[in-house]
Amino acid sequence: MPIKIRNGRLVQNAKSLRKNATKEEKKLWYRFLVTLPVKFTRQKVVSRYIVDFCCAEKKLIVELDGAQHYEAGGEKQDRLRDAFLAELGYTVLRYSDKEINSNFKGVCEDIWNRLGL
């Protein structure tokens, strides 16, 4: 069972991120994730990280990656983060903001399939 870490700074940051969601996060949340028969949460603190979307029941995390994820060091940090979350039993799905804007239906279908719905 993963250790739950309550970090007040992370919780505050998560609240701020929810209030200031990107247009791609809003699109995925309001047009798809809230319609699913399983519960997702936005900007969820999971151990020492804040994840974009989390379905605890299915141990699935969905991350939307903006340009900063493709800059020097960003991809390496994402791999380390994904490996840590995998150790906690989570599967991490990553989609670029570009994919949300150009292939929204395909992203939604992939998430649906990965959830096993």
C-alpha atoms as a PDB file:
ATOM      1  CA  MET A   1       0.000   0.000   0.000  1.00  0.00           C
ATOM      2  CA  PRO A   2       1.489   3.375  -0.989  1.00  0.00           C
ATOM      3  CA  ILE A   3       2.475   5.781   1.727  1.00  0.00           C
ATOM      4  CA  LYS A   4       0.267   8.859   1.738  1.00  0.00           C
ATOM      5  CA  ILE A   5       2.224  12.061   2.103  1.00  0.00           C
ATOM      6  CA  ARG A   6       0.296  15.171   3.042  1.00  0.00           C
ATOM      7  CA  ASN A   7       2.222  18.151   1.815  1.00  0.00           C
ATOM      8  CA  GLY A   8       0.370  21.417   2.330  1.00  0.00           C
ATOM      9  CA  ARG A   9       2.351  23.153  -0.408  1.00  0.00           C
ATOM     10  CA  LEU A  10       1.460  20.446  -2.938  1.00  0.00           C
ATOM     11  CA  VAL A  11      -2.213  20.594  -1.978  1.00  0.00           C
ATOM     12  CA  GLN A  12      -2.236  24.375  -2.436  1.00  0.00           C
ATOM     13  CA  ASN A  13      -0.445  24.064  -5.779  1.00  0.00           C
ATOM     14  CA  ALA A  14      -2.977  21.447  -6.907  1.00  0.00           C
ATOM     15  CA  LYS A  15      -5.871  23.782  -6.042  1.00  0.00           C
ATOM     16  CA  SER A  16      -4.227  26.572  -8.006  1.00  0.00           C
ATOM     17  CA  LEU A  17      -3.670  24.294 -10.998  1.00  0.00           C
ATOM     18  CA  ARG A  18      -7.356  23.274 -10.944  1.00  0.00           C
ATOM     19  CA  LYS A  19      -8.390  26.939 -11.009  1.00  0.00           C
ATOM     20  CA  ASN A  20      -5.957  27.744 -13.816  1.00  0.00           C
ATOM     21  CA  ALA A  21      -6.407  24.722 -16.078  1.00  0.00           C
ATOM     22  CA  THR A  22      -5.159  24.900 -19.644  1.00  0.00           C
ATOM     23  CA  LYS A  23      -7.696  24.900 -22.475  1.00  0.00           C
ATOM     24  CA  GLU A  24      -6.596  21.345 -23.320  1.00  0.00           C
ATOM     25  CA  GLU A  25      -7.146  20.178 -19.729  1.00  0.00           C
ATOM     26  CA  LYS A  26     -10.584  21.801 -19.675  1.00  0.00           C
ATOM     27  CA  LYS A  27     -11.492  20.185 -22.992  1.00  0.00           C
ATOM     28  CA  LEU A  28     -10.503  16.688 -21.863  1.00  0.00           C
ATOM     29  CA  TRP A  29     -12.153  17.113 -18.451  1.00  0.00           C
ATOM     30  CA  TYR A  30     -15.488  18.634 -19.452  1.00  0.00           C
ATOM     31  CA  ARG A  31     -15.984  16.895 -22.783  1.00  0.00           C
ATOM     32  CA  PHE A  32     -14.849  13.409 -21.821  1.00  0.00           C
ATOM     33  CA  LEU A  33     -13.516  12.457 -18.380  1.00  0.00           C
ATOM     34  CA  VAL A  34     -16.549  13.655 -16.397  1.00  0.00           C
ATOM     35  CA  THR A  35     -18.821  11.591 -18.654  1.00  0.00           C
ATOM     36  CA  LEU A  36     -17.153   8.281 -17.827  1.00  0.00           C
ATOM     37  CA  PRO A  37     -18.657   5.637 -15.519  1.00  0.00           C
ATOM     38  CA  VAL A  38     -15.494   5.747 -13.364  1.00  0.00           C
ATOM     39  CA  LYS A  39     -14.403   8.703 -11.251  1.00  0.00           C
ATOM     40  CA  PHE A  40     -11.456  10.873 -12.241  1.00  0.00           C
ATOM     41  CA  THR A  41     -10.025  13.683 -10.145  1.00  0.00           C
ATOM     42  CA  ARG A  42      -8.162  16.709 -11.494  1.00  0.00           C
ATOM     43  CA  GLN A  43      -4.755  17.863 -10.307  1.00  0.00           C
ATOM     44  CA  LYS A  44      -4.501  15.109  -7.725  1.00  0.00           C
ATOM     45  CA  VAL A  45      -1.624  14.835  -5.262  1.00  0.00           C
ATOM     46  CA  VAL A  46      -0.133  11.348  -5.574  1.00  0.00           C
ATOM     47  CA  SER A  47       2.749  11.001  -3.145  1.00  0.00           C
ATOM     48  CA  ARG A  48       5.250  13.720  -4.074  1.00  0.00           C
ATOM     49  CA  TYR A  49       3.681  14.653  -7.409  1.00  0.00           C
ATOM     50  CA  ILE A  50       0.623  16.449  -8.720  1.00  0.00           C
ATOM     51  CA  VAL A  51      -0.895  14.533 -11.631  1.00  0.00           C
ATOM     52  CA  ASP A  52      -3.248  16.063 -14.185  1.00  0.00           C
ATOM     53  CA  PHE A  53      -6.014  13.439 -13.963  1.00  0.00           C
ATOM     54  CA  CYS A  54      -6.258  10.342 -11.786  1.00  0.00           C
ATOM     55  CA  CYS A  55      -8.674   7.424 -11.684  1.00  0.00           C
ATOM     56  CA  ALA A  56      -7.826   5.759  -8.371  1.00  0.00           C
ATOM     57  CA  GLU A  57     -10.198   2.839  -9.006  1.00  0.00           C
ATOM     58  CA  LYS A  58      -8.311   1.838 -12.174  1.00  0.00           C
ATOM     59  CA  LYS A  59      -4.881   3.097 -10.982  1.00  0.00           C
ATOM     60  CA  LEU A  60      -4.685   5.186 -14.147  1.00  0.00           C
ATOM     61  CA  ILE A  61      -3.125   8.628 -14.521  1.00  0.00           C
ATOM     62  CA  VAL A  62      -3.596  10.833 -17.578  1.00  0.00           C
ATOM     63  CA  GLU A  63      -1.012  13.542 -18.204  1.00  0.00           C
ATOM     64  CA  LEU A  64      -1.289  16.303 -20.789  1.00  0.00           C
ATOM     65  CA  ASP A  65       2.082  17.555 -21.916  1.00  0.00           C
ATOM     66  CA  GLY A  66       2.681  21.095 -23.075  1.00  0.00           C
ATOM     67  CA  ALA A  67       5.854  22.348 -24.727  1.00  0.00           C
ATOM     68  CA  GLN A  68       7.864  22.387 -21.467  1.00  0.00           C
ATOM     69  CA  HIS A  69       7.806  18.581 -21.417  1.00  0.00           C
ATOM     70  CA  TYR A  70       9.796  18.488 -24.649  1.00  0.00           C
ATOM     71  CA  GLU A  71      12.498  20.926 -23.577  1.00  0.00           C
ATOM     72  CA  ALA A  72      15.940  19.908 -22.292  1.00  0.00           C
ATOM     73  CA  GLY A  73      15.502  17.618 -19.313  1.00  0.00           C
ATOM     74  CA  GLY A  74      11.715  17.557 -19.488  1.00  0.00           C
ATOM     75  CA  GLU A  75      11.414  14.119 -21.052  1.00  0.00           C
ATOM     76  CA  LYS A  76      13.940  12.646 -18.612  1.00  0.00           C
ATOM     77  CA  GLN A  77      12.018  14.106 -15.660  1.00  0.00           C
ATOM     78  CA  ASP A  78       8.791  12.636 -17.060  1.00  0.00           C
ATOM     79  CA  ARG A  79      10.397   9.174 -17.350  1.00  0.00           C
ATOM     80  CA  LEU A  80      11.619   9.334 -13.741  1.00  0.00           C
ATOM     81  CA  ARG A  81       8.221  10.514 -12.544  1.00  0.00           C
ATOM     82  CA  ASP A  82       6.386   7.812 -14.531  1.00  0.00           C
ATOM     83  CA  ALA A  83       8.710   5.124 -13.124  1.00  0.00           C
ATOM     84  CA  PHE A  84       8.050   6.329  -9.573  1.00  0.00           C
ATOM     85  CA  LEU A  85       4.280   6.328 -10.134  1.00  0.00           C
ATOM     86  CA  ALA A  86       4.516   2.851 -11.688  1.00  0.00           C
ATOM     87  CA  GLU A  87       6.177   1.646  -8.483  1.00  0.00           C
ATOM     88  CA  LEU A  88       3.009   2.804  -6.715  1.00  0.00           C
ATOM     89  CA  GLY A  89       0.951   0.679  -9.124  1.00  0.00           C
ATOM     90  CA  TYR A  90      -0.205   3.409 -11.511  1.00  0.00           C
ATOM     91  CA  THR A  91      -0.227   3.338 -15.285  1.00  0.00           C
ATOM     92  CA  VAL A  92       0.563   6.751 -16.754  1.00  0.00           C
ATOM     93  CA  LEU A  93      -0.848   7.779 -20.123  1.00  0.00           C
ATOM     94  CA  ARG A  94       0.729  10.830 -21.741  1.00  0.00           C
ATOM     95  CA  TYR A  95      -0.760  12.933 -24.518  1.00  0.00           C
ATOM     96  CA  SER A  96       0.546  16.151 -25.960  1.00  0.00           C
ATOM     97  CA  ASP A  97      -1.577  19.283 -26.067  1.00  0.00           C
ATOM     98  CA  LYS A  98      -1.242  18.988 -29.850  1.00  0.00           C
ATOM     99  CA  GLU A  99      -2.904  15.540 -29.740  1.00  0.00           C
ATOM    100  CA  ILE A 100      -5.812  16.956 -27.706  1.00  0.00           C
ATOM    101  CA  ASN A 101      -6.302  19.668 -30.325  1.00  0.00           C
ATOM    102  CA  SER A 102      -5.791  17.569 -33.459  1.00  0.00           C
ATOM    103  CA  ASN A 103      -6.928  14.053 -32.473  1.00  0.00           C
ATOM    104  CA  PHE A 104      -9.307  14.469 -29.543  1.00  0.00           C
ATOM    105  CA  LYS A 105     -11.473  11.506 -30.535  1.00  0.00           C
ATOM    106  CA  GLY A 106      -8.414   9.241 -30.791  1.00  0.00           C
ATOM    107  CA  VAL A 107      -7.167  10.311 -27.351  1.00  0.00           C
ATOM    108  CA  CYS A 108     -10.582   9.645 -25.830  1.00  0.00           C
ATOM    109  CA  GLU A 109     -10.787   6.229 -27.488  1.00  0.00           C
ATOM    110  CA  ASP A 110      -7.334   5.334 -26.185  1.00  0.00           C
ATOM    111  CA  ILE A 111      -8.242   6.323 -22.619  1.00  0.00           C
ATOM    112  CA  TRP A 112     -11.530   4.398 -22.885  1.00  0.00           C
ATOM    113  CA  ASN A 113      -9.697   1.287 -24.084  1.00  0.00           C
ATOM    114  CA  ARG A 114      -7.014   1.548 -21.406  1.00  0.00           C
ATOM    115  CA  LEU A 115      -9.726   1.750 -18.756  1.00  0.00           C
ATOM    116  CA  GLY A 116     -11.169  -1.497 -20.084  1.00  0.00           C
ATOM    117  CA  LEU A 117     -14.662  -0.026 -20.446  1.00  0.00           C
END
